[in-house]
Amino acid sequence: MGQKNVVQVFRLITKGTLEEKIHRLIMRKRELAASLIQEDEAGIIKQLDRSQLAELLRL
């Protein structure tokens, strides 16, 4: 936050840990959000059921 210089970010995630599960969840949500943005409004959002929409809002 507030950094004006270029920085490198390294994510060290150990297999089988909570960090790995959180990372996978974040990646899934990021992919889903990207696909929602790319589709037209009536596209993918209307195809999601209630449980899928609820999953989007959960951590």
PDB file of N, CA and C in Angstrom:
ATOM      1  N   MET A   1       0.832  -1.174   0.000  1.00  0.00           N
ATOM      2  CA  MET A   1       0.000   0.000   0.000  1.00  0.00           C
ATOM      3  C   MET A   1       0.881   1.243   0.000  1.00  0.00           C
ATOM      4  N   GLY A   2       0.634   2.096  -0.929  1.00  0.00           N
ATOM      5  CA  GLY A   2       1.386   3.331  -0.997  1.00  0.00           C
ATOM      6  C   GLY A   2       2.733   3.200  -1.681  1.00  0.00           C
ATOM      7  N   GLN A   3       3.106   1.996  -2.095  1.00  0.00           N
ATOM      8  CA  GLN A   3       4.397   1.787  -2.762  1.00  0.00           C
ATOM      9  C   GLN A   3       4.332   2.335  -4.175  1.00  0.00           C
ATOM     10  N   LYS A   4       5.318   3.151  -4.543  1.00  0.00           N
ATOM     11  CA  LYS A   4       5.338   3.733  -5.887  1.00  0.00           C
ATOM     12  C   LYS A   4       6.343   3.036  -6.789  1.00  0.00           C
ATOM     13  N   ASN A   5       7.240   2.268  -6.221  1.00  0.00           N
ATOM     14  CA  ASN A   5       8.232   1.534  -7.001  1.00  0.00           C
ATOM     15  C   ASN A   5       7.681   0.171  -7.404  1.00  0.00           C
ATOM     16  N   VAL A   6       8.272  -0.406  -8.435  1.00  0.00           N
ATOM     17  CA  VAL A   6       7.901  -1.750  -8.862  1.00  0.00           C
ATOM     18  C   VAL A   6       8.405  -2.738  -7.808  1.00  0.00           C
ATOM     19  N   VAL A   7       7.552  -3.671  -7.426  1.00  0.00           N
ATOM     20  CA  VAL A   7       7.934  -4.680  -6.439  1.00  0.00           C
ATOM     21  C   VAL A   7       7.637  -6.067  -6.985  1.00  0.00           C
ATOM     22  N   GLN A   8       8.303  -7.060  -6.443  1.00  0.00           N
ATOM     23  CA  GLN A   8       8.024  -8.452  -6.778  1.00  0.00           C
ATOM     24  C   GLN A   8       7.357  -9.093  -5.575  1.00  0.00           C
ATOM     25  N   VAL A   9       6.335  -9.882  -5.850  1.00  0.00           N
ATOM     26  CA  VAL A   9       5.620 -10.565  -4.786  1.00  0.00           C
ATOM     27  C   VAL A   9       5.846 -12.057  -4.956  1.00  0.00           C
ATOM     28  N   PHE A  10       6.306 -12.700  -3.909  1.00  0.00           N
ATOM     29  CA  PHE A  10       6.509 -14.145  -3.913  1.00  0.00           C
ATOM     30  C   PHE A  10       5.512 -14.758  -2.944  1.00  0.00           C
ATOM     31  N   ARG A  11       4.773 -15.725  -3.416  1.00  0.00           N
ATOM     32  CA  ARG A  11       3.825 -16.425  -2.554  1.00  0.00           C
ATOM     33  C   ARG A  11       4.403 -17.790  -2.229  1.00  0.00           C
ATOM     34  N   LEU A  12       4.671 -17.995  -0.980  1.00  0.00           N
ATOM     35  CA  LEU A  12       5.203 -19.273  -0.526  1.00  0.00           C
ATOM     36  C   LEU A  12       4.056 -20.048   0.112  1.00  0.00           C
ATOM     37  N   ILE A  13       3.597 -21.058  -0.601  1.00  0.00           N
ATOM     38  CA  ILE A  13       2.444 -21.828  -0.152  1.00  0.00           C
ATOM     39  C   ILE A  13       2.871 -23.283  -0.010  1.00  0.00           C
ATOM     40  N   THR A  14       2.728 -23.796   1.182  1.00  0.00           N
ATOM     41  CA  THR A  14       3.108 -25.175   1.457  1.00  0.00           C
ATOM     42  C   THR A  14       1.933 -26.103   1.162  1.00  0.00           C
ATOM     43  N   LYS A  15       2.226 -27.199   0.480  1.00  0.00           N
ATOM     44  CA  LYS A  15       1.207 -28.170   0.096  1.00  0.00           C
ATOM     45  C   LYS A  15       0.522 -28.745   1.340  1.00  0.00           C
ATOM     46  N   GLY A  16      -0.809 -28.851   1.253  1.00  0.00           N
ATOM     47  CA  GLY A  16      -1.581 -29.464   2.326  1.00  0.00           C
ATOM     48  C   GLY A  16      -1.867 -28.548   3.502  1.00  0.00           C
ATOM     49  N   THR A  17      -1.703 -27.244   3.330  1.00  0.00           N
ATOM     50  CA  THR A  17      -1.931 -26.307   4.431  1.00  0.00           C
ATOM     51  C   THR A  17      -3.177 -25.469   4.181  1.00  0.00           C
ATOM     52  N   LEU A  18      -3.568 -24.742   5.201  1.00  0.00           N
ATOM     53  CA  LEU A  18      -4.691 -23.829   5.084  1.00  0.00           C
ATOM     54  C   LEU A  18      -4.411 -22.765   4.027  1.00  0.00           C
ATOM     55  N   GLU A  19      -3.173 -22.302   3.961  1.00  0.00           N
ATOM     56  CA  GLU A  19      -2.811 -21.296   2.961  1.00  0.00           C
ATOM     57  C   GLU A  19      -3.071 -21.809   1.546  1.00  0.00           C
ATOM     58  N   GLU A  20      -2.789 -23.085   1.306  1.00  0.00           N
ATOM     59  CA  GLU A  20      -3.034 -23.668  -0.012  1.00  0.00           C
ATOM     60  C   GLU A  20      -4.528 -23.676  -0.325  1.00  0.00           C
ATOM     61  N   LYS A  21      -5.347 -24.040   0.650  1.00  0.00           N
ATOM     62  CA  LYS A  21      -6.794 -24.065   0.438  1.00  0.00           C
ATOM     63  C   LYS A  21      -7.325 -22.665   0.152  1.00  0.00           C
ATOM     64  N   ILE A  22      -6.855 -21.689   0.907  1.00  0.00           N
ATOM     65  CA  ILE A  22      -7.291 -20.311   0.696  1.00  0.00           C
ATOM     66  C   ILE A  22      -6.848 -19.823  -0.677  1.00  0.00           C
ATOM     67  N   HIS A  23      -5.626 -20.148  -1.062  1.00  0.00           N
ATOM     68  CA  HIS A  23      -5.112 -19.737  -2.367  1.00  0.00           C
ATOM     69  C   HIS A  23      -5.959 -20.334  -3.495  1.00  0.00           C
ATOM     70  N   ARG A  24      -6.294 -21.616  -3.388  1.00  0.00           N
ATOM     71  CA  ARG A  24      -7.139 -22.255  -4.402  1.00  0.00           C
ATOM     72  C   ARG A  24      -8.514 -21.596  -4.480  1.00  0.00           C
ATOM     73  N   LEU A  25      -9.087 -21.298  -3.320  1.00  0.00           N
ATOM     74  CA  LEU A  25     -10.390 -20.647  -3.271  1.00  0.00           C
ATOM     75  C   LEU A  25     -10.338 -19.269  -3.929  1.00  0.00           C
ATOM     76  N   ILE A  26      -9.310 -18.507  -3.633  1.00  0.00           N
ATOM     77  CA  ILE A  26      -9.154 -17.179  -4.230  1.00  0.00           C
ATOM     78  C   ILE A  26      -9.001 -17.288  -5.739  1.00  0.00           C
ATOM     79  N   MET A  27      -8.218 -18.248  -6.207  1.00  0.00           N
ATOM     80  CA  MET A  27      -8.024 -18.424  -7.648  1.00  0.00           C
ATOM     81  C   MET A  27      -9.338 -18.796  -8.338  1.00  0.00           C
ATOM     82  N   ARG A  28     -10.123 -19.690  -7.720  1.00  0.00           N
ATOM     83  CA  ARG A  28     -11.419 -20.072  -8.296  1.00  0.00           C
ATOM     84  C   ARG A  28     -12.347 -18.874  -8.401  1.00  0.00           C
ATOM     85  N   LYS A  29     -12.390 -18.077  -7.336  1.00  0.00           N
ATOM     86  CA  LYS A  29     -13.254 -16.899  -7.341  1.00  0.00           C
ATOM     87  C   LYS A  29     -12.777 -15.871  -8.356  1.00  0.00           C
ATOM     88  N   ARG A  30     -11.476 -15.725  -8.490  1.00  0.00           N
ATOM     89  CA  ARG A  30     -10.919 -14.780  -9.463  1.00  0.00           C
ATOM     90  C   ARG A  30     -11.295 -15.197 -10.886  1.00  0.00           C
ATOM     91  N   GLU A  31     -11.184 -16.506 -11.178  1.00  0.00           N
ATOM     92  CA  GLU A  31     -11.544 -17.012 -12.504  1.00  0.00           C
ATOM     93  C   GLU A  31     -13.035 -16.820 -12.775  1.00  0.00           C
ATOM     94  N   LEU A  32     -13.853 -17.105 -11.776  1.00  0.00           N
ATOM     95  CA  LEU A  32     -15.292 -16.952 -11.934  1.00  0.00           C
ATOM     96  C   LEU A  32     -15.661 -15.485 -12.145  1.00  0.00           C
ATOM     97  N   ALA A  33     -15.058 -14.597 -11.382  1.00  0.00           N
ATOM     98  CA  ALA A  33     -15.328 -13.164 -11.542  1.00  0.00           C
ATOM     99  C   ALA A  33     -14.921 -12.696 -12.934  1.00  0.00           C
ATOM    100  N   ALA A  34     -13.787 -13.166 -13.416  1.00  0.00           N
ATOM    101  CA  ALA A  34     -13.332 -12.783 -14.758  1.00  0.00           C
ATOM    102  C   ALA A  34     -14.311 -13.272 -15.817  1.00  0.00           C
ATOM    103  N   SER A  35     -14.816 -14.488 -15.658  1.00  0.00           N
ATOM    104  CA  SER A  35     -15.764 -15.008 -16.647  1.00  0.00           C
ATOM    105  C   SER A  35     -17.094 -14.264 -16.575  1.00  0.00           C
ATOM    106  N   LEU A  36     -17.496 -13.828 -15.387  1.00  0.00           N
ATOM    107  CA  LEU A  36     -18.727 -13.052 -15.260  1.00  0.00           C
ATOM    108  C   LEU A  36     -18.595 -11.704 -15.946  1.00  0.00           C
ATOM    109  N   ILE A  37     -17.449 -11.086 -15.806  1.00  0.00           N
ATOM    110  CA  ILE A  37     -17.220  -9.774 -16.410  1.00  0.00           C
ATOM    111  C   ILE A  37     -17.166  -9.886 -17.924  1.00  0.00           C
ATOM    112  N   GLN A  38     -16.586 -10.958 -18.440  1.00  0.00           N
ATOM    113  CA  GLN A  38     -16.442 -11.126 -19.882  1.00  0.00           C
ATOM    114  C   GLN A  38     -17.765 -11.428 -20.569  1.00  0.00           C
ATOM    115  N   GLU A  39     -18.647 -12.088 -19.877  1.00  0.00           N
ATOM    116  CA  GLU A  39     -19.937 -12.456 -20.468  1.00  0.00           C
ATOM    117  C   GLU A  39     -20.869 -11.253 -20.484  1.00  0.00           C
ATOM    118  N   ASP A  40     -21.872 -11.310 -21.348  1.00  0.00           N
ATOM    119  CA  ASP A  40     -22.891 -10.267 -21.315  1.00  0.00           C
ATOM    120  C   ASP A  40     -23.745 -10.450 -20.063  1.00  0.00           C
ATOM    121  N   GLU A  41     -24.488  -9.421 -19.692  1.00  0.00           N
ATOM    122  CA  GLU A  41     -25.242  -9.447 -18.440  1.00  0.00           C
ATOM    123  C   GLU A  41     -26.196 -10.623 -18.342  1.00  0.00           C
ATOM    124  N   ALA A  42     -26.835 -10.978 -19.408  1.00  0.00           N
ATOM    125  CA  ALA A  42     -27.818 -12.056 -19.370  1.00  0.00           C
ATOM    126  C   ALA A  42     -27.167 -13.422 -19.487  1.00  0.00           C
ATOM    127  N   GLY A  43     -25.864 -13.467 -19.666  1.00  0.00           N
ATOM    128  CA  GLY A  43     -25.163 -14.721 -19.894  1.00  0.00           C
ATOM    129  C   GLY A  43     -25.037 -15.596 -18.670  1.00  0.00           C
ATOM    130  N   ILE A  44     -23.867 -15.660 -18.136  1.00  0.00           N
ATOM    131  CA  ILE A  44     -23.529 -16.647 -17.113  1.00  0.00           C
ATOM    132  C   ILE A  44     -24.237 -16.410 -15.784  1.00  0.00           C
ATOM    133  N   ILE A  45     -24.548 -15.168 -15.448  1.00  0.00           N
ATOM    134  CA  ILE A  45     -25.181 -14.893 -14.156  1.00  0.00           C
ATOM    135  C   ILE A  45     -26.523 -15.608 -14.051  1.00  0.00           C
ATOM    136  N   LYS A  46     -27.283 -15.625 -15.116  1.00  0.00           N
ATOM    137  CA  LYS A  46     -28.585 -16.290 -15.086  1.00  0.00           C
ATOM    138  C   LYS A  46     -28.448 -17.806 -15.050  1.00  0.00           C
ATOM    139  N   GLN A  47     -27.279 -18.318 -15.394  1.00  0.00           N
ATOM    140  CA  GLN A  47     -27.065 -19.762 -15.393  1.00  0.00           C
ATOM    141  C   GLN A  47     -26.689 -20.286 -14.007  1.00  0.00           C
ATOM    142  N   LEU A  48     -26.279 -19.398 -13.105  1.00  0.00           N
ATOM    143  CA  LEU A  48     -25.877 -19.827 -11.767  1.00  0.00           C
ATOM    144  C   LEU A  48     -27.104 -20.099 -10.913  1.00  0.00           C
ATOM    145  N   ASP A  49     -27.041 -21.176 -10.121  1.00  0.00           N
ATOM    146  CA  ASP A  49     -28.143 -21.434  -9.205  1.00  0.00           C
ATOM    147  C   ASP A  49     -27.853 -20.752  -7.861  1.00  0.00           C
ATOM    148  N   ARG A  50     -28.796 -20.854  -6.950  1.00  0.00           N
ATOM    149  CA  ARG A  50     -28.690 -20.168  -5.657  1.00  0.00           C
ATOM    150  C   ARG A  50     -27.430 -20.580  -4.892  1.00  0.00           C
ATOM    151  N   SER A  51     -27.085 -21.860  -4.895  1.00  0.00           N
ATOM    152  CA  SER A  51     -25.914 -22.325  -4.145  1.00  0.00           C
ATOM    153  C   SER A  51     -24.618 -21.790  -4.755  1.00  0.00           C
ATOM    154  N   GLN A  52     -24.556 -21.685  -6.068  1.00  0.00           N
ATOM    155  CA  GLN A  52     -23.363 -21.145  -6.715  1.00  0.00           C
ATOM    156  C   GLN A  52     -23.199 -19.657  -6.406  1.00  0.00           C
ATOM    157  N   LEU A  53     -24.294 -18.923  -6.404  1.00  0.00           N
ATOM    158  CA  LEU A  53     -24.231 -17.507  -6.046  1.00  0.00           C
ATOM    159  C   LEU A  53     -23.815 -17.336  -4.587  1.00  0.00           C
ATOM    160  N   ALA A  54     -24.338 -18.186  -3.708  1.00  0.00           N
ATOM    161  CA  ALA A  54     -23.971 -18.120  -2.293  1.00  0.00           C
ATOM    162  C   ALA A  54     -22.489 -18.413  -2.108  1.00  0.00           C
ATOM    163  N   GLU A  55     -21.953 -19.363  -2.873  1.00  0.00           N
ATOM    164  CA  GLU A  55     -20.536 -19.702  -2.784  1.00  0.00           C
ATOM    165  C   GLU A  55     -19.661 -18.523  -3.191  1.00  0.00           C
ATOM    166  N   LEU A  56     -20.114 -17.742  -4.148  1.00  0.00           N
ATOM    167  CA  LEU A  56     -19.364 -16.559  -4.564  1.00  0.00           C
ATOM    168  C   LEU A  56     -19.199 -15.567  -3.421  1.00  0.00           C
ATOM    169  N   LEU A  57     -20.193 -15.487  -2.561  1.00  0.00           N
ATOM    170  CA  LEU A  57     -20.177 -14.507  -1.482  1.00  0.00           C
ATOM    171  C   LEU A  57     -19.470 -15.006  -0.227  1.00  0.00           C
ATOM    172  N   ARG A  58     -19.252 -16.309  -0.128  1.00  0.00           N
ATOM    173  CA  ARG A  58     -18.536 -16.865   1.030  1.00  0.00           C
ATOM    174  C   ARG A  58     -17.046 -16.752   0.823  1.00  0.00           C
ATOM    175  N   LEU A  59     -16.287 -16.760   1.932  1.00  0.00           N
ATOM    176  CA  LEU A  59     -14.827 -16.743   1.837  1.00  0.00           C
ATOM    177  C   LEU A  59     -14.340 -18.040   1.367  1.00  0.00           C
TER     178      LEU A  59
END
